[in-house]
Amino acid sequence: MKTIKNTPFLVIILLVAMSCHKDKPVTKVVKFDSTTYQTLGTFDPTGKPNYLVTPDVISSGMQSFIDNTLQDQVDLRTTHPELLTTNAIADIKITQSSDVFITYVSHGGGKTNTFSFYTYPTNQPPASTNDIKTITYVFPNSGRYTTLTQGDKVKLGRFEPGTSIGFVILQNGWDTTTNKLNNKVVHFCSNDVLNPEVDPKLKKHAVLVNYPAENKVLIGFEDVDRTLPECDNDFNDLVVYCTVTP
């Protein structure tokens, strides 16, 4: 029987080979170091805005539609894959001078998420977080322990043609201990390119859901990194809709 000599040398080669085949990262760290943060106004110690306008009425039909379409803890890739495979994003394109409102519908997550928005020129969509100059808080806490009620509505402002509005959830952006906002947390944006997942199939965190019965387009958000096993991909962690009034 032959014996293999130079065993230590072979072990070194094997270790080097193994080191060259490390798994590729599934998530990258995304920082908003070039971004400033602002609020639309003041809010109470629970994070409820003091700048709410006249609320909308959320019908039982709409809530039933949401419950059936964005089922709690049910993977949307199984029930409605078309909502995830589309290239459409939830950003709002302003084509004429308009007032823009956001209405809170519901939340299904366990995190104290902060709902916010940013703007950019429609013809220059963001390529990285460096292109997001300002993030404006809308609902300081739109998740767990929120005191928002269905139909609560906020005016984002008046915007001119050529402007697009994107949305972002700051995961656990509301600190229930200090009753303050924290922007040093994970951000999930309606524009896929800004999200941390590497796999393009997992980068979407906001889906558009048409509700023709009331001529509304609902926006459903997933608030967990989609590469993690605890992510249920139900996209009902926050549901809102936008109203644009010329």
C-alpha atoms as a PDB file:
ATOM      1  CA  MET A   1       0.000   0.000   0.000  1.00  0.00           C
ATOM      2  CA  LYS A   2       1.293   3.404  -0.949  1.00  0.00           C
ATOM      3  CA  THR A   3       1.444   6.148   1.642  1.00  0.00           C
ATOM      4  CA  ILE A   4       0.742   9.755   0.852  1.00  0.00           C
ATOM      5  CA  LYS A   5       3.634  12.001   1.662  1.00  0.00           C
ATOM      6  CA  ASN A   6       3.632  15.753   2.182  1.00  0.00           C
ATOM      7  CA  THR A   7       0.324  15.610   4.007  1.00  0.00           C
ATOM      8  CA  PRO A   8       0.775  19.044   5.673  1.00  0.00           C
ATOM      9  CA  PHE A   9       1.259  20.578   2.243  1.00  0.00           C
ATOM     10  CA  LEU A  10      -1.987  19.016   1.000  1.00  0.00           C
ATOM     11  CA  VAL A  11      -3.864  20.293   4.041  1.00  0.00           C
ATOM     12  CA  ILE A  12      -2.640  23.834   3.366  1.00  0.00           C
ATOM     13  CA  ILE A  13      -3.849  23.638  -0.236  1.00  0.00           C
ATOM     14  CA  LEU A  14      -7.248  22.397   0.928  1.00  0.00           C
ATOM     15  CA  LEU A  15      -7.609  25.219   3.432  1.00  0.00           C
ATOM     16  CA  VAL A  16      -6.672  27.829   0.849  1.00  0.00           C
ATOM     17  CA  ALA A  17      -9.185  26.376  -1.593  1.00  0.00           C
ATOM     18  CA  MET A  18     -11.927  26.443   1.029  1.00  0.00           C
ATOM     19  CA  SER A  19     -11.155  30.046   1.900  1.00  0.00           C
ATOM     20  CA  CYS A  20     -11.631  31.033  -1.735  1.00  0.00           C
ATOM     21  CA  HIS A  21     -15.175  29.636  -1.822  1.00  0.00           C
ATOM     22  CA  LYS A  22     -16.807  31.608   0.973  1.00  0.00           C
ATOM     23  CA  ASP A  23     -20.540  32.092   0.725  1.00  0.00           C
ATOM     24  CA  LYS A  24     -21.564  35.360  -0.857  1.00  0.00           C
ATOM     25  CA  PRO A  25     -23.384  37.767   1.448  1.00  0.00           C
ATOM     26  CA  VAL A  26     -27.170  37.703   1.182  1.00  0.00           C
ATOM     27  CA  THR A  27     -27.603  41.133   2.754  1.00  0.00           C
ATOM     28  CA  LYS A  28     -25.516  44.272   2.588  1.00  0.00           C
ATOM     29  CA  VAL A  29     -25.409  47.052   5.149  1.00  0.00           C
ATOM     30  CA  VAL A  30     -27.243  50.088   3.792  1.00  0.00           C
ATOM     31  CA  LYS A  31     -26.524  53.409   5.489  1.00  0.00           C
ATOM     32  CA  PHE A  32     -28.186  56.770   4.997  1.00  0.00           C
ATOM     33  CA  ASP A  33     -25.172  58.842   5.991  1.00  0.00           C
ATOM     34  CA  SER A  34     -25.925  61.618   3.473  1.00  0.00           C
ATOM     35  CA  THR A  35     -29.558  61.963   4.571  1.00  0.00           C
ATOM     36  CA  THR A  36     -31.080  64.506   6.935  1.00  0.00           C
ATOM     37  CA  TYR A  37     -34.311  63.802   8.833  1.00  0.00           C
ATOM     38  CA  GLN A  38     -37.253  66.055   9.560  1.00  0.00           C
ATOM     39  CA  THR A  39     -40.852  65.817  10.737  1.00  0.00           C
ATOM     40  CA  LEU A  40     -44.088  67.275   9.426  1.00  0.00           C
ATOM     41  CA  GLY A  41     -44.898  68.625  12.877  1.00  0.00           C
ATOM     42  CA  THR A  42     -45.152  67.697  16.526  1.00  0.00           C
ATOM     43  CA  PHE A  43     -46.503  64.456  17.984  1.00  0.00           C
ATOM     44  CA  ASP A  44     -47.620  63.186  21.363  1.00  0.00           C
ATOM     45  CA  PRO A  45     -45.643  60.813  23.654  1.00  0.00           C
ATOM     46  CA  THR A  46     -47.120  57.779  21.877  1.00  0.00           C
ATOM     47  CA  GLY A  47     -45.922  58.996  18.485  1.00  0.00           C
ATOM     48  CA  LYS A  48     -49.349  60.063  17.264  1.00  0.00           C
ATOM     49  CA  PRO A  49     -49.076  63.160  15.035  1.00  0.00           C
ATOM     50  CA  ASN A  50     -50.614  66.460  16.072  1.00  0.00           C
ATOM     51  CA  TYR A  51     -50.939  67.313  12.373  1.00  0.00           C
ATOM     52  CA  LEU A  52     -53.654  64.823  11.387  1.00  0.00           C
ATOM     53  CA  VAL A  53     -56.298  66.138   9.004  1.00  0.00           C
ATOM     54  CA  THR A  54     -59.932  65.034   8.639  1.00  0.00           C
ATOM     55  CA  PRO A  55     -59.812  61.225   8.671  1.00  0.00           C
ATOM     56  CA  ASP A  56     -61.050  58.887   5.976  1.00  0.00           C
ATOM     57  CA  VAL A  57     -63.570  56.144   6.648  1.00  0.00           C
ATOM     58  CA  ILE A  58     -62.133  52.674   6.078  1.00  0.00           C
ATOM     59  CA  SER A  59     -64.987  50.488   4.920  1.00  0.00           C
ATOM     60  CA  SER A  60     -65.522  46.932   6.090  1.00  0.00           C
ATOM     61  CA  GLY A  61     -65.234  45.925   2.457  1.00  0.00           C
ATOM     62  CA  MET A  62     -61.729  47.368   2.178  1.00  0.00           C
ATOM     63  CA  GLN A  63     -60.624  45.739   5.420  1.00  0.00           C
ATOM     64  CA  SER A  64     -62.022  42.392   4.292  1.00  0.00           C
ATOM     65  CA  PHE A  65     -60.207  42.765   0.976  1.00  0.00           C
ATOM     66  CA  ILE A  66     -56.923  43.445   2.793  1.00  0.00           C
ATOM     67  CA  ASP A  67     -57.417  40.515   5.140  1.00  0.00           C
ATOM     68  CA  ASN A  68     -57.984  38.195   2.190  1.00  0.00           C
ATOM     69  CA  THR A  69     -55.241  39.576  -0.067  1.00  0.00           C
ATOM     70  CA  LEU A  70     -52.498  40.257   2.473  1.00  0.00           C
ATOM     71  CA  GLN A  71     -53.183  37.384   4.823  1.00  0.00           C
ATOM     72  CA  ASP A  72     -51.406  37.587   8.147  1.00  0.00           C
ATOM     73  CA  GLN A  73     -48.307  35.343   8.321  1.00  0.00           C
ATOM     74  CA  VAL A  74     -49.052  33.871   4.884  1.00  0.00           C
ATOM     75  CA  ASP A  75     -46.325  34.129   2.251  1.00  0.00           C
ATOM     76  CA  LEU A  76     -47.451  36.466  -0.528  1.00  0.00           C
ATOM     77  CA  ARG A  77     -45.185  34.619  -2.965  1.00  0.00           C
ATOM     78  CA  THR A  78     -47.606  31.716  -2.690  1.00  0.00           C
ATOM     79  CA  THR A  79     -50.944  33.530  -2.632  1.00  0.00           C
ATOM     80  CA  HIS A  80     -50.288  36.470  -4.979  1.00  0.00           C
ATOM     81  CA  PRO A  81     -46.886  36.118  -6.653  1.00  0.00           C
ATOM     82  CA  GLU A  82     -47.876  38.637  -9.323  1.00  0.00           C
ATOM     83  CA  LEU A  83     -47.628  41.421  -6.729  1.00  0.00           C
ATOM     84  CA  LEU A  84     -43.947  40.630  -6.240  1.00  0.00           C
ATOM     85  CA  THR A  85     -42.838  39.822  -9.770  1.00  0.00           C
ATOM     86  CA  THR A  86     -43.959  43.142 -11.210  1.00  0.00           C
ATOM     87  CA  ASN A  87     -41.360  45.837 -11.835  1.00  0.00           C
ATOM     88  CA  ALA A  88     -43.779  48.479 -10.589  1.00  0.00           C
ATOM     89  CA  ILE A  89     -42.733  50.302  -7.428  1.00  0.00           C
ATOM     90  CA  ALA A  90     -44.917  52.097  -4.899  1.00  0.00           C
ATOM     91  CA  ASP A  91     -43.453  55.552  -5.541  1.00  0.00           C
ATOM     92  CA  ILE A  92     -45.887  58.303  -6.523  1.00  0.00           C
ATOM     93  CA  LYS A  93     -45.166  60.310  -9.681  1.00  0.00           C
ATOM     94  CA  ILE A  94     -46.534  63.856  -9.641  1.00  0.00           C
ATOM     95  CA  THR A  95     -47.625  64.997 -13.105  1.00  0.00           C
ATOM     96  CA  GLN A  96     -49.345  68.265 -12.108  1.00  0.00           C
ATOM     97  CA  SER A  97     -49.210  70.535  -9.092  1.00  0.00           C
ATOM     98  CA  SER A  98     -50.947  68.445  -6.416  1.00  0.00           C
ATOM     99  CA  ASP A  99     -51.654  68.001  -2.727  1.00  0.00           C
ATOM    100  CA  VAL A 100     -50.662  64.544  -1.498  1.00  0.00           C
ATOM    101  CA  PHE A 101     -52.159  62.725   1.472  1.00  0.00           C
ATOM    102  CA  ILE A 102     -51.397  59.414   3.178  1.00  0.00           C
ATOM    103  CA  THR A 103     -54.072  57.432   5.011  1.00  0.00           C
ATOM    104  CA  TYR A 104     -53.265  54.814   7.627  1.00  0.00           C
ATOM    105  CA  VAL A 105     -55.286  51.628   7.161  1.00  0.00           C
ATOM    106  CA  SER A 106     -53.784  48.897   9.350  1.00  0.00           C
ATOM    107  CA  HIS A 107     -50.661  47.169  10.588  1.00  0.00           C
ATOM    108  CA  GLY A 108     -49.866  43.524  11.185  1.00  0.00           C
ATOM    109  CA  GLY A 109     -46.315  43.588  12.485  1.00  0.00           C
ATOM    110  CA  GLY A 110     -44.774  43.388  15.928  1.00  0.00           C
ATOM    111  CA  LYS A 111     -42.266  46.206  15.495  1.00  0.00           C
ATOM    112  CA  THR A 112     -42.544  49.879  16.363  1.00  0.00           C
ATOM    113  CA  ASN A 113     -41.993  51.100  12.831  1.00  0.00           C
ATOM    114  CA  THR A 114     -41.723  54.692  11.672  1.00  0.00           C
ATOM    115  CA  PHE A 115     -43.359  55.507   8.334  1.00  0.00           C
ATOM    116  CA  SER A 116     -41.671  58.247   6.300  1.00  0.00           C
ATOM    117  CA  PHE A 117     -41.230  59.611   2.790  1.00  0.00           C
ATOM    118  CA  TYR A 118     -38.580  61.151   0.550  1.00  0.00           C
ATOM    119  CA  THR A 119     -38.698  62.903  -2.812  1.00  0.00           C
ATOM    120  CA  TYR A 120     -36.544  62.899  -5.926  1.00  0.00           C
ATOM    121  CA  PRO A 121     -36.731  64.152  -9.529  1.00  0.00           C
ATOM    122  CA  THR A 122     -38.826  61.665 -11.504  1.00  0.00           C
ATOM    123  CA  ASN A 123     -36.278  61.612 -14.320  1.00  0.00           C
ATOM    124  CA  GLN A 124     -33.446  60.901 -11.866  1.00  0.00           C
ATOM    125  CA  PRO A 125     -34.489  57.931  -9.719  1.00  0.00           C
ATOM    126  CA  PRO A 126     -32.141  57.163  -6.822  1.00  0.00           C
ATOM    127  CA  ALA A 127     -29.244  54.824  -7.524  1.00  0.00           C
ATOM    128  CA  SER A 128     -28.081  54.725  -3.912  1.00  0.00           C
ATOM    129  CA  THR A 129     -28.840  56.226  -0.522  1.00  0.00           C
ATOM    130  CA  ASN A 130     -26.565  59.154  -1.429  1.00  0.00           C
ATOM    131  CA  ASP A 131     -29.397  60.354  -3.661  1.00  0.00           C
ATOM    132  CA  ILE A 132     -31.846  60.574  -0.738  1.00  0.00           C
ATOM    133  CA  LYS A 133     -31.237  64.020   0.685  1.00  0.00           C
ATOM    134  CA  THR A 134     -34.121  64.237   3.168  1.00  0.00           C
ATOM    135  CA  ILE A 135     -36.433  61.756   4.864  1.00  0.00           C
ATOM    136  CA  THR A 136     -39.570  63.186   6.446  1.00  0.00           C
ATOM    137  CA  TYR A 137     -41.339  61.351   9.253  1.00  0.00           C
ATOM    138  CA  VAL A 138     -45.073  60.869   8.664  1.00  0.00           C
ATOM    139  CA  PHE A 139     -46.249  58.433  11.349  1.00  0.00           C
ATOM    140  CA  PRO A 140     -43.593  58.232  14.113  1.00  0.00           C
ATOM    141  CA  ASN A 141     -45.079  54.934  15.280  1.00  0.00           C
ATOM    142  CA  SER A 142     -47.231  53.059  12.795  1.00  0.00           C
ATOM    143  CA  GLY A 143     -46.644  49.604  14.262  1.00  0.00           C
ATOM    144  CA  ARG A 144     -46.815  47.897  17.627  1.00  0.00           C
ATOM    145  CA  TYR A 145     -48.323  50.067  20.395  1.00  0.00           C
ATOM    146  CA  THR A 146     -49.433  52.652  17.852  1.00  0.00           C
ATOM    147  CA  THR A 147     -52.334  54.866  18.879  1.00  0.00           C
ATOM    148  CA  LEU A 148     -53.264  55.565  15.273  1.00  0.00           C
ATOM    149  CA  THR A 149     -56.786  54.582  14.297  1.00  0.00           C
ATOM    150  CA  GLN A 150     -57.997  53.404  10.916  1.00  0.00           C
ATOM    151  CA  GLY A 151     -58.458  56.303   8.550  1.00  0.00           C
ATOM    152  CA  ASP A 152     -56.007  58.663  10.254  1.00  0.00           C
ATOM    153  CA  LYS A 153     -54.740  60.927   7.505  1.00  0.00           C
ATOM    154  CA  VAL A 154     -51.801  63.265   6.975  1.00  0.00           C
ATOM    155  CA  LYS A 155     -51.057  65.818   4.281  1.00  0.00           C
ATOM    156  CA  LEU A 156     -47.518  65.319   3.004  1.00  0.00           C
ATOM    157  CA  GLY A 157     -47.532  68.660   1.226  1.00  0.00           C
ATOM    158  CA  ARG A 158     -47.994  70.177  -2.207  1.00  0.00           C
ATOM    159  CA  PHE A 159     -45.670  68.916  -4.904  1.00  0.00           C
ATOM    160  CA  GLU A 160     -44.823  70.101  -8.388  1.00  0.00           C
ATOM    161  CA  PRO A 161     -44.726  68.139 -11.666  1.00  0.00           C
ATOM    162  CA  GLY A 162     -41.592  66.102 -12.182  1.00  0.00           C
ATOM    163  CA  THR A 163     -41.390  65.119  -8.520  1.00  0.00           C
ATOM    164  CA  SER A 164     -41.644  61.531  -7.299  1.00  0.00           C
ATOM    165  CA  ILE A 165     -42.420  60.497  -3.744  1.00  0.00           C
ATOM    166  CA  GLY A 166     -40.904  57.356  -2.253  1.00  0.00           C
ATOM    167  CA  PHE A 167     -41.726  55.735   1.057  1.00  0.00           C
ATOM    168  CA  VAL A 168     -39.606  54.165   3.762  1.00  0.00           C
ATOM    169  CA  ILE A 169     -40.177  52.168   6.938  1.00  0.00           C
ATOM    170  CA  LEU A 170     -37.632  52.610   9.703  1.00  0.00           C
ATOM    171  CA  GLN A 171     -37.669  49.255  11.482  1.00  0.00           C
ATOM    172  CA  ASN A 172     -38.311  49.923  15.196  1.00  0.00           C
ATOM    173  CA  GLY A 173     -37.718  53.602  14.522  1.00  0.00           C
ATOM    174  CA  TRP A 174     -39.945  54.561  17.456  1.00  0.00           C
ATOM    175  CA  ASP A 175     -38.385  53.988  20.881  1.00  0.00           C
ATOM    176  CA  THR A 176     -41.175  53.204  23.349  1.00  0.00           C
ATOM    177  CA  THR A 177     -38.833  53.706  26.304  1.00  0.00           C
ATOM    178  CA  THR A 178     -37.704  57.232  25.458  1.00  0.00           C
ATOM    179  CA  ASN A 179     -40.738  58.119  23.281  1.00  0.00           C
ATOM    180  CA  LYS A 180     -38.339  59.400  20.668  1.00  0.00           C
ATOM    181  CA  LEU A 181     -37.431  58.668  17.060  1.00  0.00           C
ATOM    182  CA  ASN A 182     -34.292  56.753  16.161  1.00  0.00           C
ATOM    183  CA  ASN A 183     -33.033  56.906  12.582  1.00  0.00           C
ATOM    184  CA  LYS A 184     -29.994  54.689  13.226  1.00  0.00           C
ATOM    185  CA  VAL A 185     -32.025  51.609  12.358  1.00  0.00           C
ATOM    186  CA  VAL A 186     -32.652  49.457   9.291  1.00  0.00           C
ATOM    187  CA  HIS A 187     -34.554  51.227   6.498  1.00  0.00           C
ATOM    188  CA  PHE A 188     -36.822  49.451   4.007  1.00  0.00           C
ATOM    189  CA  CYS A 189     -37.778  51.568   0.991  1.00  0.00           C
ATOM    190  CA  SER A 190     -40.437  51.448  -1.688  1.00  0.00           C
ATOM    191  CA  ASN A 191     -37.608  51.805  -4.218  1.00  0.00           C
ATOM    192  CA  ASP A 192     -36.032  48.333  -4.367  1.00  0.00           C
ATOM    193  CA  VAL A 193     -32.498  49.516  -5.171  1.00  0.00           C
ATOM    194  CA  LEU A 194     -32.202  51.077  -1.705  1.00  0.00           C
ATOM    195  CA  ASN A 195     -32.942  47.873   0.208  1.00  0.00           C
ATOM    196  CA  PRO A 196     -30.300  45.623   1.841  1.00  0.00           C
ATOM    197  CA  GLU A 197     -31.018  42.245   0.249  1.00  0.00           C
ATOM    198  CA  VAL A 198     -28.583  41.200  -2.484  1.00  0.00           C
ATOM    199  CA  ASP A 199     -30.910  38.867  -4.406  1.00  0.00           C
ATOM    200  CA  PRO A 200     -33.106  41.008  -6.728  1.00  0.00           C
ATOM    201  CA  LYS A 201     -36.020  38.662  -6.062  1.00  0.00           C
ATOM    202  CA  LEU A 202     -35.922  39.566  -2.372  1.00  0.00           C
ATOM    203  CA  LYS A 203     -35.372  43.326  -2.536  1.00  0.00           C
ATOM    204  CA  LYS A 204     -39.031  44.378  -2.754  1.00  0.00           C
ATOM    205  CA  HIS A 205     -40.510  45.622   0.536  1.00  0.00           C
ATOM    206  CA  ALA A 206     -43.602  47.453  -0.729  1.00  0.00           C
ATOM    207  CA  VAL A 207     -46.315  46.057  -2.989  1.00  0.00           C
ATOM    208  CA  LEU A 208     -49.109  47.834  -4.830  1.00  0.00           C
ATOM    209  CA  VAL A 209     -52.562  46.291  -4.412  1.00  0.00           C
ATOM    210  CA  ASN A 210     -55.417  47.578  -6.572  1.00  0.00           C
ATOM    211  CA  TYR A 211     -58.779  47.886  -4.824  1.00  0.00           C
ATOM    212  CA  PRO A 212     -61.097  48.792  -7.712  1.00  0.00           C
ATOM    213  CA  ALA A 213     -64.258  48.772  -5.577  1.00  0.00           C
ATOM    214  CA  GLU A 214     -63.216  52.144  -4.145  1.00  0.00           C
ATOM    215  CA  ASN A 215     -60.739  53.188  -6.838  1.00  0.00           C
ATOM    216  CA  LYS A 216     -57.837  52.914  -4.409  1.00  0.00           C
ATOM    217  CA  VAL A 217     -54.314  51.530  -4.684  1.00  0.00           C
ATOM    218  CA  LEU A 218     -53.167  50.129  -1.362  1.00  0.00           C
ATOM    219  CA  ILE A 219     -49.502  49.879  -0.398  1.00  0.00           C
ATOM    220  CA  GLY A 220     -48.475  46.932   1.761  1.00  0.00           C
ATOM    221  CA  PHE A 221     -45.085  46.769   3.476  1.00  0.00           C
ATOM    222  CA  GLU A 222     -42.854  43.974   4.764  1.00  0.00           C
ATOM    223  CA  ASP A 223     -40.747  45.117   7.723  1.00  0.00           C
ATOM    224  CA  VAL A 224     -38.245  42.248   8.080  1.00  0.00           C
ATOM    225  CA  ASP A 225     -35.103  41.485   6.059  1.00  0.00           C
ATOM    226  CA  ARG A 226     -36.418  38.978   3.537  1.00  0.00           C
ATOM    227  CA  THR A 227     -33.335  36.760   3.735  1.00  0.00           C
ATOM    228  CA  LEU A 228     -34.093  35.939   7.365  1.00  0.00           C
ATOM    229  CA  PRO A 229     -36.036  32.789   8.339  1.00  0.00           C
ATOM    230  CA  GLU A 230     -38.334  34.828  10.602  1.00  0.00           C
ATOM    231  CA  CYS A 231     -39.598  36.880   7.652  1.00  0.00           C
ATOM    232  CA  ASP A 232     -43.131  35.730   6.803  1.00  0.00           C
ATOM    233  CA  ASN A 233     -43.377  37.754   3.554  1.00  0.00           C
ATOM    234  CA  ASP A 234     -46.991  38.684   4.249  1.00  0.00           C
ATOM    235  CA  PHE A 235     -46.529  42.391   3.363  1.00  0.00           C
ATOM    236  CA  ASN A 236     -49.211  43.516   5.809  1.00  0.00           C
ATOM    237  CA  ASP A 237     -46.871  44.953   8.448  1.00  0.00           C
ATOM    238  CA  LEU A 238     -48.208  48.349   7.390  1.00  0.00           C
ATOM    239  CA  VAL A 239     -50.967  49.138   4.921  1.00  0.00           C
ATOM    240  CA  VAL A 240     -51.643  52.678   3.708  1.00  0.00           C
ATOM    241  CA  TYR A 241     -52.996  54.416   0.626  1.00  0.00           C
ATOM    242  CA  CYS A 242     -52.158  57.666  -1.070  1.00  0.00           C
ATOM    243  CA  THR A 243     -54.537  60.365  -2.287  1.00  0.00           C
ATOM    244  CA  VAL A 244     -53.345  62.879  -4.884  1.00  0.00           C
ATOM    245  CA  THR A 245     -55.523  65.958  -5.366  1.00  0.00           C
ATOM    246  CA  PRO A 246     -54.765  68.370  -8.220  1.00  0.00           C
END
